[in-house]
Amino acid sequence: MRRRRRESLVARLHHPCSSARVASCPALQLGSDGKSNRPRVERQREVIKMGADGALIVLDWEIPTSNKNLVGTQQPDEGKINQQSVDVRSANSIDKPVILLVHGLNNDSSFGYIRSMMRTATDRGWIAVCMNLRGQDGKHQVKNTTPRGYNAGYTGDLRGVVQQIEHRLKRRDNNNSEERADLSDNNDRYVGGPIFLLGYSLGANIVTKYLGEESLHGTLPKCIGGGAAMGNPLHIHSGSIKFPWNMVLGAGVKRSILQNFQSFRRHHEPGFQRAMKKAMMSPTIGKLDAAAAPYILRNDPFPPYRTRIGFKDGEEYWHDSSSHRYVAHVSVPLLKISAQDDFLVFGQFARKLSHCLENPNVVVVKTRCGGHLGWQESPPPSAKRKGA
């Protein structure tokens, strides 16, 4: 039996589609050879303060510094290669498309799926930026400055980051009469951009909810070109997550609380301290959410999207956070990808799939395999590649 298992493992490691799939997949080329053939990139870290409550949000940028060997572009003359990176921090400066990524629960910008997707974007000459949710910076250098952590339904931080990036996009010259005519006809105010939103898991729920809120009330910035939601549960209900994942996710959230313990400690209200103690003693993510619900950050789903605090209980928090209530209103192209073998969210996604199908702007892709955010892995040995 052990020998057969070893042979099976060796067969998987040497499966013909494994190395070919890795080499041909742009999202996995970050770890491949041939670094000299890749476009040069510059990484920058920026910390911005949210106007609603003073929270610090860390943005990790990856910026192409040349047009050399960009995927899908003509090769420029050697003397014409632009070695200067784009100034992403100044107003009216960004003249390229921007991919804004939002990671999943207990993750940050240092995770492999984020880094590989950022490099895939810069390979094409786009600018990639990952928004680290409050208290999650990957390097443990920037702590949460407020007693409010991130959650599945609060879109205020994403809204603030989009507004910051929109202000930095290069705009058309209003002094040019021809451009003024184009501006009135196409409502296209930008030379830079557009901004595409890409969310994973919990981040996918936040992206979908944000697009739905803004689209419903006609306040979605014109610079938003579309979005993609990878592994979005649509229906948030932590109490329905099965063992052992309910305990694993709960442990990750408690780890994040401990890493930002000083900010939570500053809140001296007795009710808050009792809720945090109960949350830390909760064995599962569902019970943790229910304990912390009265002090969870939220926002109104209508302009001006005012920040508020607290829910009656976990059920109200889960209902308010679920993006299936907003997906029908999304007014820009939105791609949703979910794997049939996703042990964590596919059941919830399938039950609310009809809400996506009501909206012609939403394209749903269901893959046979992939697990939870595992599309960058090779297919199982039983999968037959046509034409291989």
Foldseek 3Di string as FASTA:
>chain_A
DVVVVVVQVVCFVVQPQFVVLLVPDQLNCVPPDDPVQFFDKDWDKDWDFAPQPRWIKIKIKIWGQWPGQQPPDDHDDPVPIGRHTWDQQDFQTAQEAEEEEEEAALAACVDSSNVSVQSSQVSNRHMYMYIGFGLGHPVLPGGTQALAGDDLAALRVVVVVVVSRVRRFHFDDPVDPVVVVVCVVVVGGGSHYQYEYEYAASGLLSVLLVLLLCLVAVNPDPSYAEYEYENYLLQFQLVPFDPPVQQVSLVSVLVSCVSNVVNNVVPPDPLSVVLCVQLNVDRGNNSNLFSNQQAHWHFDSHPPRRIDGHDPGSVRVRVNSRSLVRNQRRDHAYEYEEEPQASGRPVSCVVSVVSNVNHPSYDYHYHPDQHRVRPSGGDGSVDDDPPD
